[in-house]
Amino acid sequence: MQGEVRIKITQTNTQGDNKTAINSKTAEVKNTTDEAKVSDSKTIVASALVANIARNVASQAKNEALYELNKYFSLTDDFEGKRDLNIAMSIASQAISLGASIWAGAKLGAGLGSLSGPIGTAIGAVTGAALSIGGTAISAYQRYNQQDIEIAQINKQLAYTRQRVGYSLISGSVGENK
């Protein structure tokens, strides 16, 4: 019995990131890393483009919805409803921000080298949560402090206006300055 045996030998040479495949029959040399890099680059660019488009569409939809809600509240003079909606949106926004910070921290913590895995994920999540909560606390303090400043300014302006009109700052009567 006579048969034919075909052997195809390919040699892979790995030096750093360069991977070369040599076909021994045709002596064709291919650098597979360059093709992979081009493919990866195209995938990254496409993913970034799709993410940017999705983010812009979501932003436009949110802006339109907020415009319509604010228009409704302004036309109906429902300022309490507007305030309640803004409070609810602020809480939702802070919850989303906290969740995103925890997720990003966990994702970064998962690749912490020697601490990678569940420990790194936990450390990253706790760090992300702490940073988010710290930022929220600072922001709340600044808003509260700004409200105090505005109230003090209004009180000073009101006292000045009352004094100019002739209201007594003590008794509240007109014409007396006691």
N, C-alpha and C. Protein backbone atom coordinates (compact mmCIF):
# COMPACT_ATOMS: atom_id res chain seq x y z
N MET A 1 0.82 -1.17 0.00
CA MET A 1 0.00 0.00 0.00
C MET A 1 0.87 1.23 0.00
N GLN A 2 0.51 2.04 -0.87
CA GLN A 2 1.23 3.29 -0.95
C GLN A 2 0.26 4.41 -0.57
N GLY A 3 0.72 5.29 0.26
CA GLY A 3 -0.10 6.43 0.68
C GLY A 3 0.70 7.71 0.64
N GLU A 4 0.02 8.72 0.78
CA GLU A 4 0.69 10.02 0.74
C GLU A 4 0.52 10.68 2.10
N VAL A 5 1.59 11.17 2.61
CA VAL A 5 1.58 11.88 3.89
C VAL A 5 2.00 13.32 3.63
N ARG A 6 1.18 14.24 4.04
CA ARG A 6 1.52 15.65 3.90
C ARG A 6 1.74 16.24 5.28
N ILE A 7 2.81 16.94 5.39
CA ILE A 7 3.13 17.59 6.66
C ILE A 7 3.26 19.08 6.41
N LYS A 8 2.52 19.83 7.15
CA LYS A 8 2.59 21.28 7.05
C LYS A 8 3.20 21.78 8.36
N ILE A 9 4.33 22.40 8.28
CA ILE A 9 5.02 22.87 9.48
C ILE A 9 4.92 24.39 9.52
N THR A 10 4.39 24.88 10.60
CA THR A 10 4.41 26.32 10.83
C THR A 10 5.20 26.56 12.08
N GLN A 11 5.99 27.57 12.04
CA GLN A 11 6.85 27.89 13.18
C GLN A 11 6.38 29.23 13.72
N THR A 12 6.18 29.28 15.00
CA THR A 12 5.79 30.53 15.63
C THR A 12 6.95 31.03 16.47
N ASN A 13 7.35 32.24 16.19
CA ASN A 13 8.45 32.85 16.91
C ASN A 13 7.86 33.97 17.76
N THR A 14 7.99 33.87 19.06
CA THR A 14 7.43 34.88 19.94
C THR A 14 8.56 35.64 20.60
N GLN A 15 8.64 36.91 20.29
CA GLN A 15 9.62 37.79 20.91
C GLN A 15 8.87 39.04 21.34
N GLY A 16 8.60 39.16 22.59
CA GLY A 16 7.82 40.31 23.08
C GLY A 16 6.41 40.22 22.55
N ASP A 17 5.99 41.27 21.86
CA ASP A 17 4.65 41.31 21.28
C ASP A 17 4.63 40.86 19.84
N ASN A 18 5.80 40.62 19.23
CA ASN A 18 5.86 40.24 17.82
C ASN A 18 5.71 38.74 17.68
N LYS A 19 4.69 38.33 16.95
CA LYS A 19 4.47 36.91 16.70
C LYS A 19 4.53 36.69 15.20
N THR A 20 5.45 35.81 14.78
CA THR A 20 5.66 35.55 13.36
C THR A 20 5.34 34.10 13.06
N ALA A 21 4.50 33.87 12.06
CA ALA A 21 4.18 32.51 11.63
C ALA A 21 4.84 32.29 10.26
N ILE A 22 5.60 31.17 10.13
CA ILE A 22 6.30 30.86 8.89
C ILE A 22 5.74 29.56 8.34
N ASN A 23 5.23 29.59 7.12
CA ASN A 23 4.75 28.39 6.45
C ASN A 23 5.96 27.79 5.72
N SER A 24 6.36 26.56 6.13
CA SER A 24 7.58 25.97 5.59
C SER A 24 7.44 25.54 4.13
N LYS A 25 6.22 25.27 3.67
CA LYS A 25 6.03 24.81 2.30
C LYS A 25 6.13 25.99 1.32
N THR A 26 5.49 27.11 1.69
CA THR A 26 5.48 28.25 0.78
C THR A 26 6.47 29.34 1.20
N ALA A 27 7.06 29.18 2.36
CA ALA A 27 7.99 30.15 2.93
C ALA A 27 7.32 31.51 3.12
N GLU A 28 6.01 31.50 3.36
CA GLU A 28 5.27 32.73 3.59
C GLU A 28 5.42 33.13 5.06
N VAL A 29 5.72 34.36 5.30
CA VAL A 29 5.92 34.86 6.66
C VAL A 29 4.80 35.85 6.96
N LYS A 30 4.12 35.61 8.09
CA LYS A 30 3.05 36.50 8.50
C LYS A 30 3.34 37.02 9.89
N ASN A 31 3.13 38.30 10.09
CA ASN A 31 3.25 38.89 11.41
C ASN A 31 1.83 39.02 11.95
N THR A 32 1.44 38.12 12.84
CA THR A 32 0.06 38.07 13.31
C THR A 32 -0.26 39.17 14.29
N THR A 33 0.73 39.72 14.96
CA THR A 33 0.47 40.76 15.95
C THR A 33 -0.02 42.04 15.29
N ASP A 34 0.57 42.40 14.15
CA ASP A 34 0.14 43.62 13.47
C ASP A 34 -1.32 43.53 13.06
N GLU A 35 -1.74 42.36 12.54
CA GLU A 35 -3.14 42.18 12.16
C GLU A 35 -4.04 42.27 13.38
N ALA A 36 -3.61 41.67 14.49
CA ALA A 36 -4.41 41.71 15.71
C ALA A 36 -4.52 43.14 16.24
N LYS A 37 -3.41 43.89 16.16
CA LYS A 37 -3.45 45.28 16.64
C LYS A 37 -4.40 46.12 15.81
N VAL A 38 -4.38 45.94 14.50
CA VAL A 38 -5.28 46.69 13.63
C VAL A 38 -6.73 46.33 13.95
N SER A 39 -6.99 45.02 14.12
CA SER A 39 -8.34 44.57 14.44
C SER A 39 -8.78 45.11 15.80
N ASP A 40 -7.87 45.07 16.79
CA ASP A 40 -8.19 45.60 18.12
C ASP A 40 -8.44 47.10 18.05
N SER A 41 -7.64 47.82 17.28
CA SER A 41 -7.82 49.27 17.15
C SER A 41 -9.18 49.59 16.54
N LYS A 42 -9.56 48.84 15.50
CA LYS A 42 -10.86 49.07 14.87
C LYS A 42 -11.99 48.79 15.85
N THR A 43 -11.84 47.73 16.63
CA THR A 43 -12.87 47.39 17.61
C THR A 43 -12.98 48.47 18.68
N ILE A 44 -11.84 48.97 19.15
CA ILE A 44 -11.84 50.01 20.18
C ILE A 44 -12.48 51.29 19.65
N VAL A 45 -12.13 51.68 18.45
CA VAL A 45 -12.69 52.89 17.85
C VAL A 45 -14.20 52.74 17.66
N ALA A 46 -14.62 51.59 17.16
CA ALA A 46 -16.06 51.35 16.94
C ALA A 46 -16.80 51.36 18.27
N SER A 47 -16.24 50.74 19.30
CA SER A 47 -16.89 50.71 20.62
C SER A 47 -17.00 52.11 21.20
N ALA A 48 -15.93 52.90 21.06
CA ALA A 48 -15.96 54.27 21.58
C ALA A 48 -16.99 55.11 20.84
N LEU A 49 -17.08 54.92 19.53
CA LEU A 49 -18.05 55.66 18.73
C LEU A 49 -19.48 55.31 19.13
N VAL A 50 -19.76 54.03 19.28
CA VAL A 50 -21.10 53.58 19.67
C VAL A 50 -21.43 54.10 21.07
N ALA A 51 -20.47 54.04 22.00
CA ALA A 51 -20.71 54.52 23.37
C ALA A 51 -20.98 56.02 23.36
N ASN A 52 -20.25 56.78 22.55
CA ASN A 52 -20.44 58.22 22.48
C ASN A 52 -21.81 58.56 21.90
N ILE A 53 -22.22 57.85 20.86
CA ILE A 53 -23.53 58.08 20.26
C ILE A 53 -24.64 57.76 21.27
N ALA A 54 -24.50 56.64 21.96
CA ALA A 54 -25.51 56.25 22.95
C ALA A 54 -25.59 57.28 24.07
N ARG A 55 -24.44 57.78 24.52
CA ARG A 55 -24.42 58.78 25.58
C ARG A 55 -25.09 60.08 25.11
N ASN A 56 -24.83 60.48 23.87
CA ASN A 56 -25.45 61.70 23.34
C ASN A 56 -26.95 61.56 23.18
N VAL A 57 -27.41 60.41 22.69
CA VAL A 57 -28.85 60.18 22.54
C VAL A 57 -29.54 60.19 23.90
N ALA A 58 -28.94 59.54 24.89
CA ALA A 58 -29.52 59.52 26.24
C ALA A 58 -29.55 60.93 26.83
N SER A 59 -28.51 61.70 26.61
CA SER A 59 -28.46 63.06 27.12
C SER A 59 -29.54 63.94 26.48
N GLN A 60 -29.71 63.80 25.16
CA GLN A 60 -30.74 64.58 24.47
C GLN A 60 -32.14 64.20 24.94
N ALA A 61 -32.38 62.91 25.13
CA ALA A 61 -33.69 62.47 25.61
C ALA A 61 -33.96 63.00 27.02
N LYS A 62 -32.95 62.96 27.87
CA LYS A 62 -33.10 63.47 29.24
C LYS A 62 -33.36 64.97 29.22
N ASN A 63 -32.61 65.71 28.41
CA ASN A 63 -32.80 67.16 28.32
C ASN A 63 -34.20 67.52 27.83
N GLU A 64 -34.70 66.80 26.84
CA GLU A 64 -36.04 67.06 26.32
C GLU A 64 -37.10 66.78 27.38
N ALA A 65 -36.95 65.66 28.09
CA ALA A 65 -37.91 65.32 29.15
C ALA A 65 -37.89 66.37 30.25
N LEU A 66 -36.71 66.81 30.66
CA LEU A 66 -36.62 67.84 31.70
C LEU A 66 -37.22 69.17 31.22
N TYR A 67 -37.01 69.51 29.96
CA TYR A 67 -37.60 70.73 29.42
C TYR A 67 -39.12 70.68 29.50
N GLU A 68 -39.69 69.56 29.06
CA GLU A 68 -41.15 69.43 29.09
C GLU A 68 -41.69 69.46 30.52
N LEU A 69 -41.00 68.81 31.45
CA LEU A 69 -41.44 68.83 32.85
C LEU A 69 -41.36 70.24 33.43
N ASN A 70 -40.25 70.92 33.19
CA ASN A 70 -40.11 72.29 33.69
C ASN A 70 -41.14 73.22 33.08
N LYS A 71 -41.45 73.03 31.80
CA LYS A 71 -42.48 73.83 31.14
C LYS A 71 -43.84 73.58 31.80
N TYR A 72 -44.15 72.33 32.08
CA TYR A 72 -45.42 72.00 32.72
C TYR A 72 -45.51 72.66 34.10
N PHE A 73 -44.45 72.52 34.89
CA PHE A 73 -44.47 73.09 36.24
C PHE A 73 -44.55 74.61 36.20
N SER A 74 -43.90 75.24 35.23
CA SER A 74 -43.95 76.70 35.12
C SER A 74 -45.34 77.18 34.70
N LEU A 75 -45.95 76.47 33.76
CA LEU A 75 -47.27 76.88 33.28
C LEU A 75 -48.36 76.66 34.32
N THR A 76 -48.19 75.69 35.20
CA THR A 76 -49.21 75.41 36.21
C THR A 76 -48.89 76.03 37.57
N ASP A 77 -47.77 76.73 37.66
CA ASP A 77 -47.32 77.33 38.93
C ASP A 77 -47.22 76.31 40.05
N ASP A 78 -46.84 75.10 39.70
CA ASP A 78 -46.69 74.03 40.69
C ASP A 78 -45.22 73.97 41.13
N PHE A 79 -44.84 74.95 41.97
CA PHE A 79 -43.45 75.03 42.38
C PHE A 79 -43.08 73.95 43.39
N GLU A 80 -44.06 73.51 44.18
CA GLU A 80 -43.79 72.43 45.13
C GLU A 80 -43.54 71.12 44.38
N GLY A 81 -44.32 70.87 43.34
CA GLY A 81 -44.10 69.67 42.53
C GLY A 81 -42.75 69.70 41.84
N LYS A 82 -42.37 70.88 41.35
CA LYS A 82 -41.07 71.03 40.71
C LYS A 82 -39.95 70.77 41.71
N ARG A 83 -40.11 71.31 42.91
CA ARG A 83 -39.10 71.09 43.95
C ARG A 83 -39.01 69.60 44.29
N ASP A 84 -40.15 68.94 44.45
CA ASP A 84 -40.15 67.52 44.78
C ASP A 84 -39.50 66.69 43.67
N LEU A 85 -39.78 67.04 42.42
CA LEU A 85 -39.16 66.33 41.29
C LEU A 85 -37.65 66.54 41.30
N ASN A 86 -37.20 67.77 41.55
CA ASN A 86 -35.76 68.03 41.59
C ASN A 86 -35.08 67.27 42.72
N ILE A 87 -35.75 67.15 43.86
CA ILE A 87 -35.18 66.39 44.98
C ILE A 87 -35.08 64.91 44.59
N ALA A 88 -36.15 64.37 44.00
CA ALA A 88 -36.13 62.96 43.59
C ALA A 88 -35.05 62.71 42.53
N MET A 89 -34.91 63.64 41.59
CA MET A 89 -33.88 63.47 40.55
C MET A 89 -32.49 63.56 41.14
N SER A 90 -32.31 64.42 42.12
CA SER A 90 -31.01 64.55 42.78
C SER A 90 -30.65 63.26 43.51
N ILE A 91 -31.61 62.68 44.19
CA ILE A 91 -31.37 61.42 44.91
C ILE A 91 -31.03 60.31 43.92
N ALA A 92 -31.80 60.23 42.83
CA ALA A 92 -31.52 59.20 41.82
C ALA A 92 -30.15 59.40 41.20
N SER A 93 -29.80 60.64 40.92
CA SER A 93 -28.49 60.93 40.34
C SER A 93 -27.36 60.54 41.28
N GLN A 94 -27.53 60.84 42.56
CA GLN A 94 -26.50 60.48 43.54
C GLN A 94 -26.40 58.96 43.69
N ALA A 95 -27.53 58.26 43.64
CA ALA A 95 -27.50 56.80 43.73
C ALA A 95 -26.79 56.20 42.53
N ILE A 96 -27.08 56.74 41.35
CA ILE A 96 -26.41 56.25 40.13
C ILE A 96 -24.92 56.53 40.20
N SER A 97 -24.56 57.73 40.67
CA SER A 97 -23.16 58.09 40.80
C SER A 97 -22.44 57.18 41.80
N LEU A 98 -23.09 56.88 42.91
CA LEU A 98 -22.49 55.98 43.90
C LEU A 98 -22.31 54.58 43.31
N GLY A 99 -23.33 54.09 42.61
CA GLY A 99 -23.22 52.77 41.98
C GLY A 99 -22.11 52.72 40.95
N ALA A 100 -22.00 53.78 40.14
CA ALA A 100 -20.94 53.82 39.13
C ALA A 100 -19.57 53.88 39.78
N SER A 101 -19.44 54.62 40.88
CA SER A 101 -18.16 54.70 41.59
C SER A 101 -17.77 53.35 42.18
N ILE A 102 -18.74 52.66 42.75
CA ILE A 102 -18.46 51.33 43.32
C ILE A 102 -18.07 50.36 42.22
N TRP A 103 -18.81 50.39 41.10
CA TRP A 103 -18.51 49.48 39.99
C TRP A 103 -17.13 49.76 39.42
N ALA A 104 -16.82 51.05 39.18
CA ALA A 104 -15.52 51.40 38.62
C ALA A 104 -14.40 51.04 39.59
N GLY A 105 -14.61 51.29 40.88
CA GLY A 105 -13.60 50.94 41.88
C GLY A 105 -13.38 49.44 41.93
N ALA A 106 -14.46 48.67 41.86
CA ALA A 106 -14.34 47.21 41.88
C ALA A 106 -13.62 46.72 40.63
N LYS A 107 -13.93 47.32 39.49
CA LYS A 107 -13.30 46.92 38.24
C LYS A 107 -11.80 47.22 38.27
N LEU A 108 -11.44 48.42 38.76
CA LEU A 108 -10.03 48.77 38.88
C LEU A 108 -9.33 47.92 39.94
N GLY A 109 -10.04 47.67 41.04
CA GLY A 109 -9.45 46.89 42.13
C GLY A 109 -9.22 45.44 41.75
N ALA A 110 -9.97 44.93 40.78
CA ALA A 110 -9.80 43.54 40.36
C ALA A 110 -8.44 43.32 39.69
N GLY A 111 -7.82 44.36 39.21
CA GLY A 111 -6.54 44.22 38.54
C GLY A 111 -5.40 44.87 39.31
N LEU A 112 -5.41 44.75 40.61
CA LEU A 112 -4.39 45.40 41.44
C LEU A 112 -3.11 44.59 41.59
N GLY A 113 -2.79 43.77 40.66
CA GLY A 113 -1.54 43.00 40.76
C GLY A 113 -1.65 41.91 41.79
N SER A 114 -0.90 42.02 42.86
CA SER A 114 -0.88 40.96 43.87
C SER A 114 -2.19 40.88 44.64
N LEU A 115 -2.97 41.95 44.63
CA LEU A 115 -4.25 41.94 45.33
C LEU A 115 -5.42 41.67 44.39
N SER A 116 -5.14 41.21 43.18
CA SER A 116 -6.23 41.00 42.24
C SER A 116 -7.15 39.89 42.74
N GLY A 117 -8.36 39.94 42.27
CA GLY A 117 -9.35 38.95 42.67
C GLY A 117 -10.35 39.58 43.62
N PRO A 118 -10.95 38.78 44.50
CA PRO A 118 -12.01 39.29 45.37
C PRO A 118 -11.52 40.37 46.34
N ILE A 119 -10.29 40.23 46.83
CA ILE A 119 -9.78 41.23 47.79
C ILE A 119 -9.60 42.58 47.09
N GLY A 120 -8.99 42.58 45.92
CA GLY A 120 -8.81 43.81 45.16
C GLY A 120 -10.13 44.43 44.76
N THR A 121 -11.09 43.57 44.38
CA THR A 121 -12.42 44.06 44.01
C THR A 121 -13.09 44.74 45.20
N ALA A 122 -12.99 44.11 46.37
CA ALA A 122 -13.58 44.69 47.58
C ALA A 122 -12.90 46.01 47.95
N ILE A 123 -11.58 46.04 47.88
CA ILE A 123 -10.84 47.27 48.20
C ILE A 123 -11.23 48.38 47.22
N GLY A 124 -11.30 48.06 45.94
CA GLY A 124 -11.69 49.05 44.94
C GLY A 124 -13.11 49.55 45.14
N ALA A 125 -14.04 48.63 45.47
CA ALA A 125 -15.43 49.03 45.68
C ALA A 125 -15.56 49.95 46.89
N VAL A 126 -14.87 49.61 47.97
CA VAL A 126 -14.92 50.44 49.18
C VAL A 126 -14.30 51.81 48.91
N THR A 127 -13.19 51.82 48.19
CA THR A 127 -12.54 53.10 47.84
C THR A 127 -13.46 53.94 46.97
N GLY A 128 -14.07 53.34 45.96
CA GLY A 128 -15.00 54.08 45.10
C GLY A 128 -16.18 54.63 45.88
N ALA A 129 -16.74 53.82 46.79
CA ALA A 129 -17.86 54.28 47.61
C ALA A 129 -17.43 55.44 48.52
N ALA A 130 -16.26 55.31 49.14
CA ALA A 130 -15.78 56.36 50.05
C ALA A 130 -15.56 57.68 49.30
N LEU A 131 -14.96 57.59 48.12
CA LEU A 131 -14.73 58.81 47.35
C LEU A 131 -16.05 59.45 46.91
N SER A 132 -17.00 58.62 46.50
CA SER A 132 -18.30 59.16 46.07
C SER A 132 -19.04 59.80 47.24
N ILE A 133 -19.07 59.12 48.38
CA ILE A 133 -19.76 59.65 49.56
C ILE A 133 -19.06 60.91 50.06
N GLY A 134 -17.73 60.91 50.02
CA GLY A 134 -16.99 62.10 50.43
C GLY A 134 -17.30 63.29 49.54
N GLY A 135 -17.34 63.06 48.23
CA GLY A 135 -17.69 64.13 47.30
C GLY A 135 -19.10 64.64 47.51
N THR A 136 -20.03 63.73 47.79
CA THR A 136 -21.42 64.12 48.04
C THR A 136 -21.52 64.93 49.33
N ALA A 137 -20.77 64.52 50.35
CA ALA A 137 -20.80 65.25 51.63
C ALA A 137 -20.24 66.66 51.47
N ILE A 138 -19.15 66.80 50.74
CA ILE A 138 -18.58 68.13 50.51
C ILE A 138 -19.56 69.00 49.73
N SER A 139 -20.18 68.43 48.71
CA SER A 139 -21.15 69.17 47.92
C SER A 139 -22.35 69.61 48.77
N ALA A 140 -22.84 68.73 49.64
CA ALA A 140 -23.97 69.06 50.51
C ALA A 140 -23.59 70.18 51.48
N TYR A 141 -22.38 70.11 52.04
CA TYR A 141 -21.91 71.16 52.94
C TYR A 141 -21.84 72.50 52.22
N GLN A 142 -21.32 72.50 50.99
CA GLN A 142 -21.21 73.75 50.24
C GLN A 142 -22.58 74.33 49.92
N ARG A 143 -23.54 73.47 49.55
CA ARG A 143 -24.90 73.96 49.26
C ARG A 143 -25.53 74.55 50.52
N TYR A 144 -25.38 73.86 51.66
CA TYR A 144 -25.93 74.32 52.92
C TYR A 144 -25.30 75.65 53.31
N ASN A 145 -23.99 75.76 53.19
CA ASN A 145 -23.28 76.98 53.52
C ASN A 145 -23.72 78.13 52.60
N GLN A 146 -23.91 77.84 51.31
CA GLN A 146 -24.36 78.86 50.36
C GLN A 146 -25.76 79.34 50.71
N GLN A 147 -26.64 78.44 51.17
CA GLN A 147 -27.97 78.86 51.58
C GLN A 147 -27.90 79.77 52.80
N ASP A 148 -27.02 79.47 53.74
CA ASP A 148 -26.85 80.34 54.91
C ASP A 148 -26.39 81.73 54.48
N ILE A 149 -25.46 81.80 53.54
CA ILE A 149 -24.97 83.09 53.06
C ILE A 149 -26.09 83.87 52.40
N GLU A 150 -26.89 83.21 51.56
CA GLU A 150 -27.99 83.88 50.88
C GLU A 150 -29.04 84.38 51.86
N ILE A 151 -29.35 83.59 52.89
CA ILE A 151 -30.32 84.02 53.91
C ILE A 151 -29.80 85.22 54.67
N ALA A 152 -28.52 85.21 55.03
CA ALA A 152 -27.93 86.35 55.74
C ALA A 152 -27.97 87.61 54.87
N GLN A 153 -27.69 87.47 53.57
CA GLN A 153 -27.75 88.62 52.66
C GLN A 153 -29.17 89.16 52.56
N ILE A 154 -30.13 88.28 52.44
CA ILE A 154 -31.54 88.71 52.35
C ILE A 154 -31.96 89.42 53.63
N ASN A 155 -31.57 88.88 54.78
CA ASN A 155 -31.91 89.52 56.06
C ASN A 155 -31.31 90.92 56.16
N LYS A 156 -30.06 91.07 55.75
CA LYS A 156 -29.41 92.38 55.79
C LYS A 156 -30.11 93.35 54.85
N GLN A 157 -30.46 92.90 53.64
CA GLN A 157 -31.15 93.76 52.69
C GLN A 157 -32.52 94.16 53.21
N LEU A 158 -33.22 93.21 53.83
CA LEU A 158 -34.54 93.49 54.37
C LEU A 158 -34.46 94.48 55.52
N ALA A 159 -33.48 94.31 56.40
CA ALA A 159 -33.31 95.25 57.52
C ALA A 159 -32.99 96.65 56.99
N TYR A 160 -32.15 96.75 55.99
CA TYR A 160 -31.79 98.05 55.41
C TYR A 160 -33.01 98.70 54.77
N THR A 161 -33.79 97.90 54.02
CA THR A 161 -34.99 98.42 53.36
C THR A 161 -35.99 98.90 54.40
N ARG A 162 -36.20 98.15 55.44
CA ARG A 162 -37.14 98.55 56.50
C ARG A 162 -36.69 99.85 57.16
N GLN A 163 -35.42 99.95 57.41
CA GLN A 163 -34.92 101.16 58.06
C GLN A 163 -35.09 102.37 57.14
N ARG A 164 -34.84 102.21 55.84
CA ARG A 164 -34.98 103.31 54.89
C ARG A 164 -36.43 103.76 54.77
N VAL A 165 -37.35 102.79 54.85
CA VAL A 165 -38.77 103.12 54.72
C VAL A 165 -39.27 103.77 56.00
N GLY A 166 -38.64 103.51 57.12
CA GLY A 166 -39.04 104.12 58.37
C GLY A 166 -39.64 103.15 59.36
N TYR A 167 -39.58 101.88 59.08
CA TYR A 167 -40.08 100.91 60.04
C TYR A 167 -39.09 100.81 61.19
N SER A 168 -39.62 100.72 62.38
CA SER A 168 -38.76 100.53 63.53
C SER A 168 -38.26 99.09 63.52
N LEU A 169 -36.96 98.93 63.70
CA LEU A 169 -36.40 97.59 63.72
C LEU A 169 -36.75 96.85 65.00
N ILE A 170 -37.22 97.59 66.03
CA ILE A 170 -37.53 96.96 67.32
C ILE A 170 -39.03 96.72 67.44
N SER A 171 -39.82 97.76 67.29
CA SER A 171 -41.26 97.61 67.52
C SER A 171 -42.03 97.30 66.23
N GLY A 172 -41.45 97.59 65.06
CA GLY A 172 -42.13 97.32 63.81
C GLY A 172 -43.08 98.42 63.38
N SER A 173 -43.18 99.52 64.19
CA SER A 173 -44.09 100.61 63.83
C SER A 173 -43.43 101.53 62.81
N VAL A 174 -44.28 102.29 62.12
CA VAL A 174 -43.81 103.21 61.10
C VAL A 174 -43.48 104.55 61.76
N GLY A 175 -42.37 105.14 61.41
CA GLY A 175 -42.03 106.48 61.89
C GLY A 175 -41.15 106.48 63.13
N GLU A 176 -41.12 105.42 63.85
CA GLU A 176 -40.28 105.36 65.04
C GLU A 176 -38.97 104.68 64.69
N ASN A 177 -37.94 105.06 65.35
CA ASN A 177 -36.67 104.37 65.15
C ASN A 177 -36.14 103.95 66.50
N LYS A 178 -36.98 103.19 67.21
CA LYS A 178 -36.63 102.76 68.57
C LYS A 178 -36.26 101.31 68.57
